[in-house]
N, C-alpha and C. Protein backbone atom coordinates (compact mmCIF):
# COMPACT_ATOMS: atom_id res chain seq x y z
N MET A 1 4.13 17.15 7.33
CA MET A 1 3.49 15.80 7.18
C MET A 1 3.97 14.62 6.32
N LEU A 2 4.17 13.64 6.63
CA LEU A 2 4.56 12.53 5.98
C LEU A 2 4.43 12.10 4.28
N PHE A 3 3.06 12.36 4.13
CA PHE A 3 2.76 11.61 2.80
C PHE A 3 2.26 13.21 1.97
N ASP A 4 2.57 14.25 2.51
CA ASP A 4 2.45 15.48 1.51
C ASP A 4 3.11 14.70 0.18
N HIS A 5 4.70 14.53 0.35
CA HIS A 5 5.65 14.24 -0.27
C HIS A 5 4.94 13.24 -1.73
N CYS A 6 4.11 12.23 -1.22
CA CYS A 6 3.19 11.70 -2.23
C CYS A 6 2.65 12.63 -3.38
N ALA A 7 2.19 13.65 -3.16
CA ALA A 7 1.66 14.62 -4.31
C ALA A 7 2.86 15.25 -5.11
N GLU A 8 4.33 14.99 -4.61
CA GLU A 8 4.84 15.63 -5.46
C GLU A 8 5.44 14.76 -6.42
N CYS A 9 5.80 13.41 -5.66
CA CYS A 9 6.76 12.33 -5.89
C CYS A 9 5.94 11.86 -7.45
N ARG A 10 4.92 11.45 -6.85
CA ARG A 10 3.81 10.24 -7.95
C ARG A 10 4.66 9.10 -8.30
N GLY A 11 5.32 9.01 -7.86
CA GLY A 11 6.08 7.74 -8.85
C GLY A 11 5.62 6.55 -8.53
N CYS A 12 4.40 6.39 -7.45
CA CYS A 12 3.93 5.14 -7.27
C CYS A 12 2.39 4.96 -8.31
N CYS A 13 2.22 5.93 -9.36
CA CYS A 13 1.21 5.93 -9.92
C CYS A 13 1.64 6.25 -11.17
N HIS A 14 3.01 6.09 -11.71
CA HIS A 14 3.29 6.00 -13.09
C HIS A 14 3.84 4.64 -13.23
N ILE A 15 4.19 4.57 -14.20
CA ILE A 15 4.87 3.51 -15.09
C ILE A 15 5.54 3.59 -15.80
N ASP A 16 6.95 3.51 -15.41
CA ASP A 16 8.45 3.57 -16.51
C ASP A 16 8.36 3.36 -17.69
N ASP A 17 8.50 3.76 -18.72
CA ASP A 17 8.81 3.03 -19.85
C ASP A 17 9.39 1.81 -19.85
N GLY A 18 8.69 0.69 -20.60
CA GLY A 18 9.69 -0.77 -20.71
C GLY A 18 9.01 -1.53 -19.62
N TYR A 19 8.20 -0.74 -18.77
CA TYR A 19 7.12 -1.89 -17.61
C TYR A 19 6.10 -1.70 -18.23
N PRO A 20 5.84 -3.32 -17.95
CA PRO A 20 4.03 -3.64 -17.98
C PRO A 20 3.30 -3.02 -17.11
N ALA A 21 1.86 -2.81 -17.43
CA ALA A 21 0.81 -2.30 -17.42
C ALA A 21 0.54 -3.06 -15.67
N LEU A 22 0.20 -2.35 -14.46
CA LEU A 22 0.14 -2.74 -13.09
C LEU A 22 -1.22 -2.50 -12.98
N GLU A 23 -2.26 -3.76 -12.64
CA GLU A 23 -3.12 -3.92 -12.38
C GLU A 23 -3.56 -3.48 -10.93
N VAL A 24 -4.20 -2.76 -10.27
CA VAL A 24 -4.22 -2.64 -9.05
C VAL A 24 -5.11 -3.32 -8.26
N THR A 25 -4.75 -3.65 -7.19
CA THR A 25 -6.06 -4.87 -7.18
C THR A 25 -7.04 -4.28 -6.17
N LEU A 26 -8.11 -4.95 -6.46
CA LEU A 26 -9.32 -4.77 -5.74
C LEU A 26 -10.09 -5.73 -5.06
N THR A 27 -10.39 -5.18 -3.44
CA THR A 27 -11.10 -6.28 -2.78
C THR A 27 -12.64 -6.47 -3.62
N ALA A 28 -12.97 -7.67 -2.92
CA ALA A 28 -14.24 -7.79 -3.46
C ALA A 28 -15.27 -6.68 -3.29
N VAL A 29 -15.49 -5.80 -2.42
CA VAL A 29 -16.16 -4.44 -2.60
C VAL A 29 -15.90 -3.58 -3.25
N GLU A 30 -14.61 -3.32 -3.34
CA GLU A 30 -13.84 -1.88 -4.67
C GLU A 30 -14.04 -2.69 -5.81
N LYS A 31 -14.14 -3.76 -6.35
CA LYS A 31 -14.54 -4.45 -7.59
C LYS A 31 -15.95 -3.57 -7.94
N LYS A 32 -16.86 -3.99 -7.33
CA LYS A 32 -17.74 -3.33 -7.63
C LYS A 32 -18.38 -1.93 -7.58
N VAL A 33 -17.77 -1.17 -7.29
CA VAL A 33 -17.09 0.42 -7.00
C VAL A 33 -16.63 0.59 -8.37
N HIS A 34 -15.27 -0.12 -8.56
CA HIS A 34 -14.64 0.90 -9.89
C HIS A 34 -14.68 -0.61 -10.98
N GLY A 35 -15.20 -1.48 -10.59
CA GLY A 35 -14.71 -2.69 -11.93
C GLY A 35 -13.02 -2.87 -11.93
N SER A 36 -12.92 -2.72 -12.66
CA SER A 36 -11.01 -2.77 -12.18
C SER A 36 -10.08 -1.34 -12.41
N LEU A 37 -9.07 -1.18 -12.20
CA LEU A 37 -8.06 0.04 -12.21
C LEU A 37 -6.82 -0.63 -12.99
N CYS A 38 -6.42 0.05 -13.74
CA CYS A 38 -5.04 -0.85 -14.45
C CYS A 38 -4.37 1.16 -14.56
N ILE A 39 -2.98 0.53 -14.32
CA ILE A 39 -2.17 1.34 -14.96
C ILE A 39 -1.04 1.49 -15.98
N GLN A 40 -1.64 1.97 -16.81
CA GLN A 40 -1.14 1.82 -18.04
C GLN A 40 0.55 2.79 -18.47
N THR A 41 0.08 3.58 -18.46
CA THR A 41 1.37 4.86 -18.16
C THR A 41 1.43 5.60 -16.81
N HIS A 42 0.27 6.04 -16.44
CA HIS A 42 0.34 7.04 -15.49
C HIS A 42 -1.67 6.67 -14.87
N CYS A 43 -1.80 6.56 -13.35
CA CYS A 43 -2.99 6.61 -12.86
C CYS A 43 -4.28 7.83 -13.48
N GLU A 44 -5.35 7.32 -14.10
CA GLU A 44 -6.21 8.17 -14.71
C GLU A 44 -6.73 8.74 -13.06
N ASN A 45 -6.49 8.22 -11.54
CA ASN A 45 -7.41 9.51 -10.86
C ASN A 45 -6.30 10.04 -10.38
N LEU A 46 -4.97 10.61 -10.81
CA LEU A 46 -3.70 10.81 -10.27
C LEU A 46 -4.15 12.12 -10.48
N GLY A 47 -4.33 13.89 -9.61
CA GLY A 47 -4.50 14.98 -10.06
C GLY A 47 -3.72 15.53 -9.45
N ASP A 48 -3.75 16.82 -9.29
CA ASP A 48 -2.34 18.06 -9.07
C ASP A 48 -2.09 17.64 -7.59
N SER A 49 -2.83 17.48 -6.55
CA SER A 49 -2.96 17.00 -5.45
C SER A 49 -2.91 15.47 -4.65
N GLY A 50 -2.44 14.78 -5.69
CA GLY A 50 -2.33 13.26 -5.20
C GLY A 50 -3.89 12.68 -5.89
N CYS A 51 -4.19 11.98 -5.89
CA CYS A 51 -5.50 10.75 -5.77
C CYS A 51 -6.68 11.51 -5.68
N THR A 52 -7.29 11.77 -6.98
CA THR A 52 -8.82 11.93 -6.63
C THR A 52 -9.43 11.64 -6.40
N LEU A 53 -9.78 9.91 -5.69
CA LEU A 53 -10.45 8.82 -5.50
C LEU A 53 -11.34 9.41 -3.89
N GLY A 54 -10.27 10.08 -3.22
CA GLY A 54 -10.79 10.01 -1.76
C GLY A 54 -11.05 9.10 -1.18
N ASP A 55 -12.04 8.87 -0.03
CA ASP A 55 -12.53 7.90 0.26
C ASP A 55 -12.89 6.05 -0.61
N ALA A 56 -13.01 6.36 -1.86
CA ALA A 56 -13.31 5.55 -2.36
C ALA A 56 -11.61 5.05 -3.04
N LYS A 57 -10.66 5.47 -2.25
CA LYS A 57 -9.34 4.87 -3.09
C LYS A 57 -9.22 3.42 -2.39
N PRO A 58 -8.39 2.71 -3.52
CA PRO A 58 -8.48 1.77 -2.98
C PRO A 58 -7.30 1.19 -2.24
N PHE A 59 -7.70 -0.06 -1.17
CA PHE A 59 -6.45 -0.40 0.24
C PHE A 59 -5.34 -0.52 -0.22
N SER A 60 -5.26 -1.69 -1.66
CA SER A 60 -3.89 -1.33 -2.28
C SER A 60 -2.87 -0.29 -2.57
N CYS A 61 -3.90 0.61 -2.36
CA CYS A 61 -3.02 1.89 -2.96
C CYS A 61 -2.87 2.95 -1.53
N GLN A 62 -3.83 2.47 -0.60
CA GLN A 62 -3.81 3.01 0.66
C GLN A 62 -2.42 2.54 1.77
N LEU A 63 -2.21 0.81 1.40
CA LEU A 63 -1.48 0.15 1.95
C LEU A 63 0.23 0.60 1.07
N TYR A 64 0.19 1.22 0.06
CA TYR A 64 1.87 1.40 -0.46
C TYR A 64 2.41 2.28 0.30
N PRO A 65 3.68 2.56 0.11
CA PRO A 65 4.48 1.91 -0.31
C PRO A 65 4.75 0.55 0.84
N LEU A 66 3.98 0.24 1.35
CA LEU A 66 3.74 -0.82 2.23
C LEU A 66 3.07 -2.39 1.65
N SER A 67 3.50 -3.66 1.61
CA SER A 67 3.12 -4.39 1.40
C SER A 67 3.23 -5.89 2.21
N PHE A 68 1.85 -6.28 2.53
CA PHE A 68 1.94 -7.41 3.21
C PHE A 68 1.75 -8.67 2.58
N ASN A 69 2.63 -9.86 3.33
CA ASN A 69 2.61 -11.55 2.87
C ASN A 69 1.80 -12.13 4.03
N PRO A 70 0.35 -12.37 3.29
CA PRO A 70 -0.26 -12.97 4.46
C PRO A 70 -0.08 -14.40 4.71
N LYS A 71 1.23 -15.00 4.40
CA LYS A 71 1.24 -16.09 4.77
C LYS A 71 2.25 -16.34 6.12
N THR A 72 2.80 -14.94 5.70
CA THR A 72 4.26 -14.69 7.07
C THR A 72 3.84 -13.32 7.82
N SER A 73 2.32 -12.63 7.89
CA SER A 73 2.20 -12.03 8.37
C SER A 73 3.04 -10.71 8.60
N ALA A 74 4.28 -10.61 7.56
CA ALA A 74 5.39 -9.48 7.20
C ALA A 74 4.62 -8.46 6.65
N PHE A 75 5.31 -7.62 7.04
CA PHE A 75 5.10 -6.33 6.19
C PHE A 75 6.38 -6.00 5.56
N LEU A 76 6.12 -5.64 4.22
CA LEU A 76 7.42 -5.19 3.52
C LEU A 76 7.37 -3.78 2.75
N PHE A 77 8.00 -3.33 1.92
CA PHE A 77 7.91 -1.90 1.80
C PHE A 77 8.81 -2.01 -0.04
N ASP A 78 8.27 -1.21 -0.50
CA ASP A 78 8.44 -1.05 -2.01
C ASP A 78 10.03 -0.09 -1.80
N THR A 79 11.48 -0.37 -2.13
CA THR A 79 12.38 0.13 -2.07
C THR A 79 12.65 1.53 -3.09
N ASP A 80 11.82 1.68 -4.01
CA ASP A 80 11.66 2.56 -5.28
C ASP A 80 11.18 3.99 -4.38
N CYS A 81 10.61 3.59 -3.22
CA CYS A 81 9.59 4.42 -2.51
C CYS A 81 10.85 5.49 -1.74
N PRO A 82 10.64 6.57 -2.17
CA PRO A 82 11.48 7.81 -1.53
C PRO A 82 11.27 8.01 -0.26
N LEU A 83 9.94 7.74 0.64
CA LEU A 83 9.52 7.87 1.82
C LEU A 83 9.95 7.06 2.84
N MET A 84 10.29 6.23 2.15
CA MET A 84 10.47 4.97 3.20
C MET A 84 11.49 5.42 4.28
N PRO A 85 12.70 6.05 4.29
CA PRO A 85 13.73 6.18 5.49
C PRO A 85 13.05 6.84 5.82
N GLU A 86 11.87 8.41 5.91
CA GLU A 86 11.55 8.76 6.93
C GLU A 86 10.32 8.13 7.44
N TYR A 87 9.87 7.18 6.78
CA TYR A 87 8.70 6.53 7.50
C TYR A 87 9.40 5.26 8.36
N GLN A 88 10.31 5.00 8.53
CA GLN A 88 11.09 3.58 8.98
C GLN A 88 11.42 4.95 10.39
N ARG A 89 12.05 5.67 10.62
CA ARG A 89 12.17 6.78 11.24
C ARG A 89 11.18 6.78 12.41
N GLN A 90 10.08 7.67 11.71
CA GLN A 90 8.91 7.57 12.31
C GLN A 90 8.12 6.48 13.00
N LEU A 91 8.60 5.19 12.77
CA LEU A 91 7.81 4.39 13.35
C LEU A 91 8.56 4.06 14.77
N GLN A 92 9.63 4.73 15.08
CA GLN A 92 10.09 4.88 16.47
C GLN A 92 9.74 5.40 17.40
N ASP A 93 8.15 6.41 16.98
CA ASP A 93 7.16 7.30 17.39
C ASP A 93 6.21 7.00 17.53
N GLU A 94 5.24 6.15 18.46
CA GLU A 94 4.19 6.02 18.08
C GLU A 94 3.12 7.12 18.12
N GLY A 95 3.50 8.24 18.19
CA GLY A 95 2.04 8.97 17.64
C GLY A 95 2.64 9.78 16.66
N SER A 96 3.60 9.15 15.64
CA SER A 96 3.67 9.91 14.01
C SER A 96 2.81 9.33 12.98
N GLU A 97 2.99 10.38 12.43
CA GLU A 97 2.24 9.26 11.07
C GLU A 97 1.98 8.11 10.92
N ALA A 98 3.63 7.82 10.57
CA ALA A 98 3.84 6.58 9.73
C ALA A 98 3.46 5.35 10.91
N SER A 99 3.27 5.87 12.14
CA SER A 99 3.02 4.98 13.11
C SER A 99 1.27 4.45 12.93
N ALA A 100 0.83 5.80 12.80
CA ALA A 100 -0.89 5.97 12.29
C ALA A 100 -1.27 5.30 11.02
N HIS A 101 -0.69 5.15 10.18
CA HIS A 101 -0.53 4.64 8.99
C HIS A 101 -0.74 3.30 9.27
N LEU A 102 0.70 2.59 9.83
CA LEU A 102 0.92 1.69 9.76
C LEU A 102 -0.38 0.75 10.80
N GLY A 103 -0.95 1.39 11.98
CA GLY A 103 -2.08 1.19 12.76
C GLY A 103 -3.12 0.58 11.99
N LEU A 104 -3.72 1.74 11.37
CA LEU A 104 -4.97 1.66 10.48
C LEU A 104 -4.72 0.34 9.42
N MET A 105 -3.49 -0.18 8.51
CA MET A 105 -3.04 -0.63 7.57
C MET A 105 -3.75 -2.04 8.42
N SER A 106 -3.02 -2.37 9.59
CA SER A 106 -3.03 -3.24 9.98
C SER A 106 -4.73 -3.43 10.48
N THR A 107 -5.39 -2.67 11.03
CA THR A 107 -6.75 -3.19 11.54
C THR A 107 -7.51 -3.64 10.25
N GLU A 108 -7.18 -2.83 9.06
CA GLU A 108 -7.59 -3.32 7.88
C GLU A 108 -7.28 -4.60 7.44
N LEU A 109 -6.16 -4.89 7.42
CA LEU A 109 -5.46 -5.99 7.50
C LEU A 109 -6.13 -7.55 7.78
N LYS A 110 -6.65 -7.26 9.70
CA LYS A 110 -7.04 -7.90 10.07
C LYS A 110 -8.83 -8.32 9.81
N ARG A 111 -9.30 -7.22 9.24
CA ARG A 111 -10.78 -7.52 9.04
C ARG A 111 -10.76 -8.10 7.38
N LEU A 112 -9.56 -8.22 6.37
CA LEU A 112 -9.68 -8.51 4.96
C LEU A 112 -9.08 -9.91 5.23
N ALA A 113 -8.70 -10.45 6.63
CA ALA A 113 -8.34 -11.82 6.46
C ALA A 113 -8.95 -12.45 6.71
N LYS A 114 -10.31 -12.08 7.00
CA LYS A 114 -11.93 -12.93 7.73
C LYS A 114 -12.76 -12.96 6.16
N ALA A 115 -12.89 -11.52 5.60
CA ALA A 115 -13.61 -10.99 4.96
C ALA A 115 -12.97 -11.44 3.29
N ASP A 116 -12.01 -11.33 3.06
CA ASP A 116 -11.75 -11.29 1.52
C ASP A 116 -10.11 -11.54 1.46
N PRO A 117 -9.53 -12.60 2.15
CA PRO A 117 -8.26 -13.62 2.23
C PRO A 117 -7.95 -13.76 0.63
N GLY A 118 -8.84 -13.50 -0.52
CA GLY A 118 -7.83 -13.76 -1.83
C GLY A 118 -7.42 -13.07 -1.97
N PHE A 119 -8.22 -11.36 -1.70
CA PHE A 119 -7.32 -10.16 -2.22
C PHE A 119 -5.79 -9.89 -1.86
N LEU A 120 -5.92 -10.73 -0.33
CA LEU A 120 -4.18 -10.40 0.36
C LEU A 120 -3.55 -11.44 -0.43
N ARG A 121 -4.22 -12.44 -0.62
CA ARG A 121 -3.05 -13.44 -1.98
C ARG A 121 -2.37 -12.99 -2.93
N LYS A 122 -3.58 -12.25 -3.38
CA LYS A 122 -3.30 -11.63 -5.01
C LYS A 122 -2.42 -10.25 -5.12
N ASN A 123 -2.87 -9.37 -4.03
CA ASN A 123 -2.61 -8.14 -3.92
C ASN A 123 -0.52 -8.02 -3.36
N PHE A 124 -0.13 -9.72 -2.63
CA PHE A 124 0.80 -9.75 -2.60
C PHE A 124 1.72 -10.39 -3.59
N ARG A 125 0.99 -10.78 -4.30
CA ARG A 125 1.67 -11.71 -5.42
C ARG A 125 1.68 -10.67 -6.32
N ILE A 126 0.73 -9.62 -6.77
CA ILE A 126 1.13 -8.55 -7.22
C ILE A 126 2.55 -7.62 -7.36
N ASP A 127 2.21 -7.54 -5.54
CA ASP A 127 3.74 -6.68 -5.09
C ASP A 127 4.93 -7.20 -5.57
N ALA A 128 4.85 -8.45 -5.04
CA ALA A 128 5.93 -8.92 -5.17
C ALA A 128 6.45 -9.55 -6.62
N ASP A 129 5.61 -9.22 -7.70
CA ASP A 129 6.13 -9.57 -8.90
C ASP A 129 6.76 -8.32 -9.81
N TYR A 130 5.84 -6.89 -8.84
CA TYR A 130 6.34 -5.59 -9.43
C TYR A 130 7.20 -4.85 -8.87
N PHE A 131 7.10 -5.07 -7.55
CA PHE A 131 8.28 -4.28 -6.67
C PHE A 131 9.26 -4.65 -6.03
N ASP A 132 10.12 -4.29 -6.03
CA ASP A 132 11.16 -4.54 -5.14
C ASP A 132 11.23 -4.15 -3.76
N LEU A 133 10.43 -5.41 -2.90
CA LEU A 133 10.38 -5.28 -1.68
C LEU A 133 11.23 -5.82 -0.57
N GLN A 134 11.67 -5.28 0.24
CA GLN A 134 12.13 -5.08 1.47
C GLN A 134 11.86 -5.42 2.49
N PRO A 135 12.01 -6.21 3.49
CA PRO A 135 10.90 -6.60 5.12
C PRO A 135 11.25 -4.78 5.68
N LEU A 136 10.03 -4.89 6.57
CA LEU A 136 9.81 -3.11 6.91
C LEU A 136 10.55 -3.66 8.66
N LYS A 137 11.21 -2.93 8.98
CA LYS A 137 12.14 -2.78 9.97
C LYS A 137 10.96 -2.82 11.09
N LEU A 138 10.51 -3.52 11.99
CA LEU A 138 9.23 -3.28 12.93
C LEU A 138 9.96 -3.28 14.11
N LYS A 139 9.21 -2.87 15.50
CA LYS A 139 9.49 -3.48 16.79
C LYS A 139 8.26 -4.84 16.75
N ALA A 140 8.88 -5.63 17.40
CA ALA A 140 7.67 -6.44 17.71
C ALA A 140 6.68 -6.18 17.78
N LEU A 141 4.95 -6.61 16.74
CA LEU A 141 3.58 -5.92 17.32
C LEU A 141 2.92 -7.10 18.75
N PRO A 142 2.49 -6.78 19.57
CA PRO A 142 1.71 -7.40 20.39
C PRO A 142 0.56 -8.86 19.60
N LYS A 143 0.76 -9.69 20.02
CA LYS A 143 -0.07 -10.71 19.28
C LYS A 143 -1.69 -10.28 19.05
N ASP A 144 -1.82 -9.10 20.15
CA ASP A 144 -3.27 -9.19 19.73
C ASP A 144 -3.26 -8.12 18.46
N ASP A 145 -2.15 -7.46 18.22
CA ASP A 145 -2.18 -6.21 17.22
C ASP A 145 -1.60 -6.77 15.99
N ALA A 146 -1.38 -8.02 15.67
CA ALA A 146 -0.79 -8.53 14.67
C ALA A 146 -1.86 -8.91 13.90
N PRO A 147 -1.25 -8.50 12.43
CA PRO A 147 -2.39 -8.69 11.55
C PRO A 147 -2.99 -10.17 11.28
């Protein structure tokens, strides 16, 4: 399974020495549940098998290693994520875990574009400042499927 590697790597839930803390961007609904989440050195919700938040895992964490630029409707990815070469390869197969992830993220991004556009702008600003982002190589999405 593609994302099984995440529980082993856990790099996205840790902050390397010398780097500032990372504020996890939350939607308006998530703010009501979590208040705020900030990763100082490691995420306090990181357990032995990965995230302990289950269905309450913030969307910005679910989206990772992807990032979304709401101005250009472009997907990007964090080059530090070792999962990305396999993710990119799997996108060639519509039945793959990466394609399913991208589809779920696209659906939620469309919803958030209407319900919470401020979240999308803030999340991308933080991602662009914090991560080394590169464009995700995608086959063109049909206009109806574009976020």
